[in-house]
Structures are given as structure tokens and as C-alpha cells.
Amino acid sequence: MLQTGRVAQLFFLIVICAAVIYFVEAARRGKAPKLRKLPGLDAVEEAVGRATEMARPVVISTGIGGLTDINAPQTIAGLSMVGYVAKLCAKYGARLIAPARQPYVVPVETEIIQTAFNEEGKTEEAARAIDMVQYLSDSQFSYTIAYLAILRREQPGAHIMIGAYWAESLQLAEVGFTTGAVQIAGTAMTAQIPFFVAACDYALIGEEIYAAGAYLSKDPVQSGSIVGQDIGKALAMFLIVAGLILTAVGFSTFVTLLRS
């Protein structure tokens, strides 16, 4: 027997799952949906190319979140960007530096970079992936100070930050700006987004960081999944607006149905 108050939730869950499955299957049949342009992601290759031309390194970080906490999706989004940037660095011959806060993120990030270099045929550089990932500290501001020192010392040509950031966000972005680096940053931490918008050349806002993997890889299945999820978001927004309007005019049956 269905639990009272959960019937509507179950219905909408089924609708969203059906939409995701439909668009994924459509993508597999060659009808890949088009994703809207994200200038911040389109600029990544240009930023790495610029750093290469200037003989300056590329610095990329995945924030200070972990892989087992509530911010894990943001860290995973950052790791997806690490893989893409590492491939570009291998392709163009740019030096890569990846500061890390969480100890258990280090081996994952190292493996991703190693794989990216191997796929580009740069086996010697791949063997040095462990040197590219620099574990700094699990203390927030000790990590921040060490990170700032890397930016000052290395003077990167490109600085990319994708993941969960807190109070250190503006410090990193401001110092990155003073180095003259092209800065691309994104986070789902709403309090930190304004700092990235103000201090960086390109900013990914909220859920845009989660679409990065599908957008950059051009994988049709991932793109289909993103579109299916967007259908669910559109449905949620429609229900919110419809509920407000109908409640305002005194029609409460709609809200009652949603509570069923």
C-alpha cells in the first residue's frame, strides 16, 4: 500500500526517470540532443593554449570538498574537468599543477591525469603525474595559503577552479587575477558564486558544473541524461508557478493532489 503524502512524489519520480531513459535511448540511436553554449567551458582549450604559448603552467583545483560528503558531486565535477584539462596539457605540452586539499582525492586525481596523458601517447609525462598533484593540507586556510604561494610563485597562464569552495574562493580568485591568468571558475556554493563572477574571466554557475562532463566529452548518452533531468526541473518549475496561481485564486484542490 502506498504511503499517504508520497503518491505525487512517486508519480513525478517515474516521469523524470522515464524522461531520462527516453533521451538516453534517443541519443544512443543517433539523435543526440543539443546542449546550450557555455562560454566558460568553450574557453578552457583557449586558456590552456594561451598558457602553453606563454610557457606558463596551468593550475587546476577541485575545491576543498571530499568524495564522501555532501559536496562530493562538486568534487566529481571538478575531477571531470581535471581529466579534460590534463588531455589538453598533454596535447599542447603545457605544465600542469593540481593543488589538493583532501588526501583521498590525491590518488584519484593522479590516476585521472595519468590516464589522460597515456591516452595522448605521453607515457613519460604520465609517469610523473604524481608530481603534478600537490597535496597541500587538510586544514582549510593552511591549504589556502599554500595554494596562494603556488599562484604567486608559478604565475600560471590559466587558472581553473571547479568544485566546492568556501571563504577561500575570493582569495584564490583575486590572487589568480593579479598573475594575469585566464581564470575559469565554477561552484554550486551559492554564497561564493558572486566572488567568482567578479574576479574571474568566466564563471560556471551552480548546476552548470555538473553538465561539464557531458558538454566537454560530447558523449550523447551523458547529454541525453542531462536533457532528461532538465525535463524534471521544467516540470517542477511549472508546478510551482501553477500552484501559486491556483492557490491565489482560491483553488486548493491542486495543492491537495500534490500532497496525496
C-alpha atoms as a PDB file:
ATOM      1  CA  MET A   1       0.000   0.000   0.000  1.00  0.00           C
ATOM      2  CA  LEU A   2       1.319   3.425  -0.957  1.00  0.00           C
ATOM      3  CA  GLN A   3       2.196   5.805   1.866  1.00  0.00           C
ATOM      4  CA  THR A   4      -0.005   8.879   2.132  1.00  0.00           C
ATOM      5  CA  GLY A   5       1.825  12.029   1.102  1.00  0.00           C
ATOM      6  CA  ARG A   6       4.212  10.164  -1.195  1.00  0.00           C
ATOM      7  CA  VAL A   7       1.962   9.259  -4.150  1.00  0.00           C
ATOM      8  CA  ALA A   8       2.558  12.516  -6.029  1.00  0.00           C
ATOM      9  CA  GLN A   9       6.300  12.272  -5.372  1.00  0.00           C
ATOM     10  CA  LEU A  10       6.347   8.739  -6.765  1.00  0.00           C
ATOM     11  CA  PHE A  11       4.454   9.863  -9.868  1.00  0.00           C
ATOM     12  CA  PHE A  12       6.883  12.692 -10.609  1.00  0.00           C
ATOM     13  CA  LEU A  13       9.872  10.426  -9.944  1.00  0.00           C
ATOM     14  CA  ILE A  14       8.540   7.990 -12.536  1.00  0.00           C
ATOM     15  CA  VAL A  15       8.027  10.828 -15.037  1.00  0.00           C
ATOM     16  CA  ILE A  16      11.602  12.097 -14.561  1.00  0.00           C
ATOM     17  CA  CYS A  17      13.108   8.598 -14.820  1.00  0.00           C
ATOM     18  CA  ALA A  18      11.081   7.956 -17.967  1.00  0.00           C
ATOM     19  CA  ALA A  19      12.323  11.222 -19.496  1.00  0.00           C
ATOM     20  CA  VAL A  20      15.952  10.365 -18.719  1.00  0.00           C
ATOM     21  CA  ILE A  21      15.615   6.857 -20.192  1.00  0.00           C
ATOM     22  CA  TYR A  22      13.864   8.199 -23.298  1.00  0.00           C
ATOM     23  CA  PHE A  23      16.503  10.815 -24.100  1.00  0.00           C
ATOM     24  CA  VAL A  24      19.398   8.447 -23.331  1.00  0.00           C
ATOM     25  CA  GLU A  25      17.938   5.841 -25.699  1.00  0.00           C
ATOM     26  CA  ALA A  26      17.305   8.526 -28.318  1.00  0.00           C
ATOM     27  CA  ALA A  27      20.939   9.603 -28.011  1.00  0.00           C
ATOM     28  CA  ARG A  28      22.102   6.016 -28.495  1.00  0.00           C
ATOM     29  CA  ARG A  29      20.094   5.894 -31.731  1.00  0.00           C
ATOM     30  CA  GLY A  30      21.971   8.904 -33.029  1.00  0.00           C
ATOM     31  CA  LYS A  31      19.526  11.627 -32.041  1.00  0.00           C
ATOM     32  CA  ALA A  32      21.831  13.377 -29.604  1.00  0.00           C
ATOM     33  CA  PRO A  33      20.221  16.477 -28.038  1.00  0.00           C
ATOM     34  CA  LYS A  34      21.987  19.799 -28.309  1.00  0.00           C
ATOM     35  CA  LEU A  35      23.165  21.489 -25.147  1.00  0.00           C
ATOM     36  CA  ARG A  36      23.186  25.261 -24.879  1.00  0.00           C
ATOM     37  CA  LYS A  37      26.510  27.008 -25.219  1.00  0.00           C
ATOM     38  CA  LEU A  38      28.561  27.508 -22.055  1.00  0.00           C
ATOM     39  CA  PRO A  39      31.250  30.127 -22.774  1.00  0.00           C
ATOM     40  CA  GLY A  40      33.230  29.138 -19.689  1.00  0.00           C
ATOM     41  CA  LEU A  41      33.682  25.588 -20.957  1.00  0.00           C
ATOM     42  CA  ASP A  42      34.327  26.687 -24.533  1.00  0.00           C
ATOM     43  CA  ALA A  43      37.168  28.885 -23.233  1.00  0.00           C
ATOM     44  CA  VAL A  44      39.071  26.063 -21.497  1.00  0.00           C
ATOM     45  CA  GLU A  45      41.013  24.960 -24.578  1.00  0.00           C
ATOM     46  CA  GLU A  46      41.880  28.554 -25.451  1.00  0.00           C
ATOM     47  CA  ALA A  47      43.109  29.176 -21.896  1.00  0.00           C
ATOM     48  CA  VAL A  48      45.364  26.102 -21.952  1.00  0.00           C
ATOM     49  CA  GLY A  49      46.662  27.073 -25.391  1.00  0.00           C
ATOM     50  CA  ARG A  50      47.457  30.570 -24.160  1.00  0.00           C
ATOM     51  CA  ALA A  51      49.327  29.208 -21.153  1.00  0.00           C
ATOM     52  CA  THR A  52      51.352  26.965 -23.467  1.00  0.00           C
ATOM     53  CA  GLU A  53      52.287  29.870 -25.750  1.00  0.00           C
ATOM     54  CA  MET A  54      53.407  31.908 -22.742  1.00  0.00           C
ATOM     55  CA  ALA A  55      55.416  28.965 -21.340  1.00  0.00           C
ATOM     56  CA  ARG A  56      53.445  29.251 -18.120  1.00  0.00           C
ATOM     57  CA  PRO A  57      51.755  26.386 -16.235  1.00  0.00           C
ATOM     58  CA  VAL A  58      48.086  25.532 -15.928  1.00  0.00           C
ATOM     59  CA  VAL A  59      46.775  25.378 -12.344  1.00  0.00           C
ATOM     60  CA  ILE A  60      43.556  23.467 -11.718  1.00  0.00           C
ATOM     61  CA  SER A  61      41.817  22.566  -8.463  1.00  0.00           C
ATOM     62  CA  THR A  62      38.683  20.668  -7.448  1.00  0.00           C
ATOM     63  CA  GLY A  63      37.868  22.731  -4.371  1.00  0.00           C
ATOM     64  CA  ILE A  64      38.076  21.692  -0.742  1.00  0.00           C
ATOM     65  CA  GLY A  65      35.190  19.208  -0.691  1.00  0.00           C
ATOM     66  CA  GLY A  66      35.701  15.469  -0.421  1.00  0.00           C
ATOM     67  CA  LEU A  67      34.398  12.365  -2.143  1.00  0.00           C
ATOM     68  CA  THR A  68      32.262  11.081   0.724  1.00  0.00           C
ATOM     69  CA  ASP A  69      30.488  14.209   1.990  1.00  0.00           C
ATOM     70  CA  ILE A  70      27.563  16.272   0.753  1.00  0.00           C
ATOM     71  CA  ASN A  71      29.855  18.171  -1.607  1.00  0.00           C
ATOM     72  CA  ALA A  72      31.080  15.026  -3.382  1.00  0.00           C
ATOM     73  CA  PRO A  73      29.141  15.803  -6.611  1.00  0.00           C
ATOM     74  CA  GLN A  74      31.009  19.100  -6.915  1.00  0.00           C
ATOM     75  CA  THR A  75      34.354  17.364  -6.388  1.00  0.00           C
ATOM     76  CA  ILE A  76      33.459  14.782  -9.033  1.00  0.00           C
ATOM     77  CA  ALA A  77      32.524  17.591 -11.428  1.00  0.00           C
ATOM     78  CA  GLY A  78      35.952  19.101 -10.749  1.00  0.00           C
ATOM     79  CA  LEU A  79      37.654  15.766 -11.416  1.00  0.00           C
ATOM     80  CA  SER A  80      35.821  15.556 -14.744  1.00  0.00           C
ATOM     81  CA  MET A  81      37.348  18.915 -15.656  1.00  0.00           C
ATOM     82  CA  VAL A  82      40.768  17.723 -14.487  1.00  0.00           C
ATOM     83  CA  GLY A  83      40.622  14.852 -16.978  1.00  0.00           C
ATOM     84  CA  TYR A  84      39.740  17.188 -19.847  1.00  0.00           C
ATOM     85  CA  VAL A  85      42.376  19.780 -18.940  1.00  0.00           C
ATOM     86  CA  ALA A  86      45.035  17.084 -18.474  1.00  0.00           C
ATOM     87  CA  LYS A  87      44.362  15.847 -22.019  1.00  0.00           C
ATOM     88  CA  LEU A  88      44.771  19.377 -23.353  1.00  0.00           C
ATOM     89  CA  CYS A  89      48.012  19.840 -21.407  1.00  0.00           C
ATOM     90  CA  ALA A  90      49.317  16.549 -22.806  1.00  0.00           C
ATOM     91  CA  LYS A  91      48.305  17.579 -26.304  1.00  0.00           C
ATOM     92  CA  TYR A  92      49.858  21.039 -26.193  1.00  0.00           C
ATOM     93  CA  GLY A  93      52.782  20.281 -23.884  1.00  0.00           C
ATOM     94  CA  ALA A  94      51.686  22.567 -21.065  1.00  0.00           C
ATOM     95  CA  ARG A  95      52.839  22.017 -17.488  1.00  0.00           C
ATOM     96  CA  LEU A  96      50.024  21.033 -15.135  1.00  0.00           C
ATOM     97  CA  ILE A  97      49.756  21.752 -11.405  1.00  0.00           C
ATOM     98  CA  ALA A  98      46.826  20.419  -9.374  1.00  0.00           C
ATOM     99  CA  PRO A  99      46.684  21.578  -5.718  1.00  0.00           C
ATOM    100  CA  ALA A 100      44.647  19.233  -3.486  1.00  0.00           C
ATOM    101  CA  ARG A 101      43.209  19.539  -0.001  1.00  0.00           C
ATOM    102  CA  GLN A 102      41.760  16.080   0.707  1.00  0.00           C
ATOM    103  CA  PRO A 103      44.317  13.237   0.953  1.00  0.00           C
ATOM    104  CA  TYR A 104      41.961  10.659  -0.571  1.00  0.00           C
ATOM    105  CA  VAL A 105      41.326  12.869  -3.612  1.00  0.00           C
ATOM    106  CA  VAL A 106      45.032  12.766  -4.479  1.00  0.00           C
ATOM    107  CA  PRO A 107      45.237   9.153  -5.788  1.00  0.00           C
ATOM    108  CA  VAL A 108      42.004   9.587  -7.767  1.00  0.00           C
ATOM    109  CA  GLU A 109      43.219  12.815  -9.346  1.00  0.00           C
ATOM    110  CA  THR A 110      46.634  11.306 -10.050  1.00  0.00           C
ATOM    111  CA  GLU A 111      45.057   8.332 -11.814  1.00  0.00           C
ATOM    112  CA  ILE A 112      42.853  10.619 -13.926  1.00  0.00           C
ATOM    113  CA  ILE A 113      45.819  12.723 -15.024  1.00  0.00           C
ATOM    114  CA  GLN A 114      47.937   9.644 -15.690  1.00  0.00           C
ATOM    115  CA  THR A 115      45.211   8.140 -17.862  1.00  0.00           C
ATOM    116  CA  ALA A 116      44.776  11.382 -19.795  1.00  0.00           C
ATOM    117  CA  PHE A 117      48.493  11.617 -20.608  1.00  0.00           C
ATOM    118  CA  ASN A 118      48.662   7.946 -21.582  1.00  0.00           C
ATOM    119  CA  GLU A 119      45.722   8.384 -23.947  1.00  0.00           C
ATOM    120  CA  GLU A 120      47.625  11.176 -25.668  1.00  0.00           C
ATOM    121  CA  GLY A 121      50.693   8.945 -26.002  1.00  0.00           C
ATOM    122  CA  LYS A 122      52.720  10.894 -23.416  1.00  0.00           C
ATOM    123  CA  THR A 123      53.826   7.921 -21.308  1.00  0.00           C
ATOM    124  CA  GLU A 124      56.901   9.606 -19.819  1.00  0.00           C
ATOM    125  CA  GLU A 125      54.850  12.579 -18.625  1.00  0.00           C
ATOM    126  CA  ALA A 126      52.158  10.196 -17.357  1.00  0.00           C
ATOM    127  CA  ALA A 127      54.725   8.594 -15.059  1.00  0.00           C
ATOM    128  CA  ARG A 128      55.234  11.994 -13.451  1.00  0.00           C
ATOM    129  CA  ALA A 129      51.518  12.526 -12.718  1.00  0.00           C
ATOM    130  CA  ILE A 130      52.185  12.061  -9.007  1.00  0.00           C
ATOM    131  CA  ASP A 131      54.303  15.233  -9.110  1.00  0.00           C
ATOM    132  CA  MET A 132      51.565  17.218 -10.836  1.00  0.00           C
ATOM    133  CA  VAL A 133      49.098  16.662  -7.986  1.00  0.00           C
ATOM    134  CA  GLN A 134      50.346  18.604  -4.972  1.00  0.00           C
ATOM    135  CA  TYR A 135      48.780  17.726  -1.626  1.00  0.00           C
ATOM    136  CA  LEU A 136      48.881  20.884   0.485  1.00  0.00           C
ATOM    137  CA  SER A 137      46.929  20.467   3.739  1.00  0.00           C
ATOM    138  CA  ASP A 138      43.571  19.236   5.009  1.00  0.00           C
ATOM    139  CA  SER A 139      43.250  22.456   7.008  1.00  0.00           C
ATOM    140  CA  GLN A 140      41.212  24.978   5.032  1.00  0.00           C
ATOM    141  CA  PHE A 141      43.387  28.035   5.437  1.00  0.00           C
ATOM    142  CA  SER A 142      46.720  26.221   5.512  1.00  0.00           C
ATOM    143  CA  TYR A 143      45.648  24.820   2.139  1.00  0.00           C
ATOM    144  CA  THR A 144      44.675  28.312   1.009  1.00  0.00           C
ATOM    145  CA  ILE A 145      47.992  29.898   1.989  1.00  0.00           C
ATOM    146  CA  ALA A 146      49.967  27.156   0.235  1.00  0.00           C
ATOM    147  CA  TYR A 147      47.729  27.500  -2.840  1.00  0.00           C
ATOM    148  CA  LEU A 148      48.273  31.267  -2.920  1.00  0.00           C
ATOM    149  CA  ALA A 149      52.014  30.673  -2.728  1.00  0.00           C
ATOM    150  CA  ILE A 150      51.806  28.394  -5.791  1.00  0.00           C
ATOM    151  CA  LEU A 151      49.937  31.086  -7.731  1.00  0.00           C
ATOM    152  CA  ARG A 152      52.467  33.752  -6.769  1.00  0.00           C
ATOM    153  CA  ARG A 153      55.477  31.561  -7.472  1.00  0.00           C
ATOM    154  CA  GLU A 154      54.347  29.844 -10.658  1.00  0.00           C
ATOM    155  CA  GLN A 155      52.470  32.753 -12.301  1.00  0.00           C
ATOM    156  CA  PRO A 156      50.101  30.440 -14.238  1.00  0.00           C
ATOM    157  CA  GLY A 157      48.763  31.286 -17.669  1.00  0.00           C
ATOM    158  CA  ALA A 158      45.477  29.539 -16.903  1.00  0.00           C
ATOM    159  CA  HIS A 159      43.784  29.064 -13.545  1.00  0.00           C
ATOM    160  CA  ILE A 160      40.761  26.748 -13.362  1.00  0.00           C
ATOM    161  CA  MET A 161      38.686  26.116 -10.238  1.00  0.00           C
ATOM    162  CA  ILE A 162      35.727  23.741 -10.342  1.00  0.00           C
ATOM    163  CA  GLY A 163      34.274  22.313  -7.139  1.00  0.00           C
ATOM    164  CA  ALA A 164      33.132  23.281  -3.643  1.00  0.00           C
ATOM    165  CA  TYR A 165      34.745  26.441  -2.271  1.00  0.00           C
ATOM    166  CA  TRP A 166      34.141  28.447   0.872  1.00  0.00           C
ATOM    167  CA  ALA A 167      35.811  31.563   2.294  1.00  0.00           C
ATOM    168  CA  GLU A 168      38.989  30.968   0.298  1.00  0.00           C
ATOM    169  CA  SER A 169      37.223  31.491  -3.034  1.00  0.00           C
ATOM    170  CA  LEU A 170      37.779  35.241  -3.289  1.00  0.00           C
ATOM    171  CA  GLN A 171      41.382  34.984  -2.070  1.00  0.00           C
ATOM    172  CA  LEU A 172      42.245  32.443  -4.753  1.00  0.00           C
ATOM    173  CA  ALA A 173      40.401  34.323  -7.470  1.00  0.00           C
ATOM    174  CA  GLU A 174      41.922  37.695  -6.553  1.00  0.00           C
ATOM    175  CA  VAL A 175      45.497  36.424  -6.438  1.00  0.00           C
ATOM    176  CA  GLY A 176      44.904  34.473  -9.647  1.00  0.00           C
ATOM    177  CA  PHE A 177      43.737  37.711 -11.246  1.00  0.00           C
ATOM    178  CA  THR A 178      46.951  39.517 -10.249  1.00  0.00           C
ATOM    179  CA  THR A 179      49.027  36.866 -12.041  1.00  0.00           C
ATOM    180  CA  GLY A 180      47.335  37.688 -15.339  1.00  0.00           C
ATOM    181  CA  ALA A 181      45.987  34.154 -15.747  1.00  0.00           C
ATOM    182  CA  VAL A 182      42.824  33.390 -17.674  1.00  0.00           C
ATOM    183  CA  GLN A 183      40.519  32.301 -14.871  1.00  0.00           C
ATOM    184  CA  ILE A 184      37.620  29.874 -15.252  1.00  0.00           C
ATOM    185  CA  ALA A 185      35.779  29.002 -12.058  1.00  0.00           C
ATOM    186  CA  GLY A 186      32.572  27.286 -11.063  1.00  0.00           C
ATOM    187  CA  THR A 187      30.857  26.152  -7.887  1.00  0.00           C
ATOM    188  CA  ALA A 188      27.440  25.216  -6.564  1.00  0.00           C
ATOM    189  CA  MET A 189      28.107  27.085  -3.299  1.00  0.00           C
ATOM    190  CA  THR A 190      25.704  29.995  -3.811  1.00  0.00           C
ATOM    191  CA  ALA A 191      27.484  32.319  -1.375  1.00  0.00           C
ATOM    192  CA  GLN A 192      30.739  32.030  -3.339  1.00  0.00           C
ATOM    193  CA  ILE A 193      29.406  32.411  -6.891  1.00  0.00           C
ATOM    194  CA  PRO A 194      29.421  36.265  -6.795  1.00  0.00           C
ATOM    195  CA  PHE A 195      33.151  36.255  -5.993  1.00  0.00           C
ATOM    196  CA  PHE A 196      33.929  34.078  -8.993  1.00  0.00           C
ATOM    197  CA  VAL A 197      31.729  36.210 -11.229  1.00  0.00           C
ATOM    198  CA  ALA A 198      33.513  39.378 -10.083  1.00  0.00           C
ATOM    199  CA  ALA A 199      37.125  38.158 -10.189  1.00  0.00           C
ATOM    200  CA  CYS A 200      37.227  35.542 -12.973  1.00  0.00           C
ATOM    201  CA  ASP A 201      37.069  35.774 -16.748  1.00  0.00           C
ATOM    202  CA  TYR A 202      34.435  33.029 -16.930  1.00  0.00           C
ATOM    203  CA  ALA A 203      32.158  31.641 -14.234  1.00  0.00           C
ATOM    204  CA  LEU A 204      30.067  28.480 -14.223  1.00  0.00           C
ATOM    205  CA  ILE A 205      27.010  28.995 -12.053  1.00  0.00           C
ATOM    206  CA  GLY A 206      25.566  26.204  -9.938  1.00  0.00           C
ATOM    207  CA  GLU A 207      24.499  23.144 -11.873  1.00  0.00           C
ATOM    208  CA  GLU A 208      26.480  24.185 -14.950  1.00  0.00           C
ATOM    209  CA  ILE A 209      29.488  22.472 -13.367  1.00  0.00           C
ATOM    210  CA  TYR A 210      27.579  19.168 -13.344  1.00  0.00           C
ATOM    211  CA  ALA A 211      26.921  19.439 -17.083  1.00  0.00           C
ATOM    212  CA  ALA A 212      30.621  19.979 -17.800  1.00  0.00           C
ATOM    213  CA  GLY A 213      31.405  16.282 -18.320  1.00  0.00           C
ATOM    214  CA  ALA A 214      28.646  15.828 -20.891  1.00  0.00           C
ATOM    215  CA  TYR A 215      29.404  19.149 -22.578  1.00  0.00           C
ATOM    216  CA  LEU A 216      33.133  18.623 -22.949  1.00  0.00           C
ATOM    217  CA  SER A 217      33.079  14.932 -23.848  1.00  0.00           C
ATOM    218  CA  LYS A 218      30.230  15.373 -26.368  1.00  0.00           C
ATOM    219  CA  ASP A 219      29.043  11.966 -25.192  1.00  0.00           C
ATOM    220  CA  PRO A 220      25.448  11.541 -26.476  1.00  0.00           C
ATOM    221  CA  VAL A 221      24.377   9.340 -23.571  1.00  0.00           C
ATOM    222  CA  GLN A 222      25.528  11.866 -20.989  1.00  0.00           C
ATOM    223  CA  SER A 223      23.859  14.641 -22.993  1.00  0.00           C
ATOM    224  CA  GLY A 224      20.623  12.662 -23.086  1.00  0.00           C
ATOM    225  CA  SER A 225      20.762  12.232 -19.328  1.00  0.00           C
ATOM    226  CA  ILE A 226      21.224  15.990 -18.831  1.00  0.00           C
ATOM    227  CA  VAL A 227      18.196  16.768 -21.027  1.00  0.00           C
ATOM    228  CA  GLY A 228      16.067  14.210 -19.185  1.00  0.00           C
ATOM    229  CA  GLN A 229      16.941  15.835 -15.868  1.00  0.00           C
ATOM    230  CA  ASP A 230      16.106  19.254 -17.308  1.00  0.00           C
ATOM    231  CA  ILE A 231      12.626  17.965 -18.146  1.00  0.00           C
ATOM    232  CA  GLY A 232      12.175  17.209 -14.456  1.00  0.00           C
ATOM    233  CA  LYS A 233      13.326  20.713 -13.497  1.00  0.00           C
ATOM    234  CA  ALA A 234      10.961  22.290 -16.020  1.00  0.00           C
ATOM    235  CA  LEU A 235       8.110  20.216 -14.600  1.00  0.00           C
ATOM    236  CA  ALA A 236       8.974  21.315 -11.062  1.00  0.00           C
ATOM    237  CA  MET A 237       9.005  24.999 -12.059  1.00  0.00           C
ATOM    238  CA  PHE A 238       5.662  24.600 -13.845  1.00  0.00           C
ATOM    239  CA  LEU A 239       4.093  23.020 -10.754  1.00  0.00           C
ATOM    240  CA  ILE A 240       5.428  25.791  -8.502  1.00  0.00           C
ATOM    241  CA  VAL A 241       4.007  28.555 -10.719  1.00  0.00           C
ATOM    242  CA  ALA A 242       0.724  26.732 -11.282  1.00  0.00           C
ATOM    243  CA  GLY A 243       0.359  26.056  -7.564  1.00  0.00           C
ATOM    244  CA  LEU A 244       0.942  29.713  -6.669  1.00  0.00           C
ATOM    245  CA  ILE A 245      -1.576  30.964  -9.213  1.00  0.00           C
ATOM    246  CA  LEU A 246      -4.284  28.422  -8.378  1.00  0.00           C
ATOM    247  CA  THR A 247      -3.845  28.927  -4.633  1.00  0.00           C
ATOM    248  CA  ALA A 248      -4.043  32.697  -5.077  1.00  0.00           C
ATOM    249  CA  VAL A 249      -7.427  32.394  -6.813  1.00  0.00           C
ATOM    250  CA  GLY A 250      -8.741  30.068  -4.127  1.00  0.00           C
ATOM    251  CA  PHE A 251      -8.445  26.739  -5.963  1.00  0.00           C
ATOM    252  CA  SER A 252      -6.843  24.487  -3.363  1.00  0.00           C
ATOM    253  CA  THR A 253      -7.604  21.112  -4.997  1.00  0.00           C
ATOM    254  CA  PHE A 254      -4.356  21.262  -6.966  1.00  0.00           C
ATOM    255  CA  VAL A 255      -2.279  21.589  -3.802  1.00  0.00           C
ATOM    256  CA  THR A 256      -4.252  18.787  -2.195  1.00  0.00           C
ATOM    257  CA  LEU A 257      -3.416  16.494  -5.104  1.00  0.00           C
ATOM    258  CA  LEU A 258       0.292  17.280  -4.722  1.00  0.00           C
ATOM    259  CA  ARG A 259       0.042  16.311  -1.058  1.00  0.00           C
ATOM    260  CA  SER A 260      -1.592  12.966  -1.820  1.00  0.00           C
END
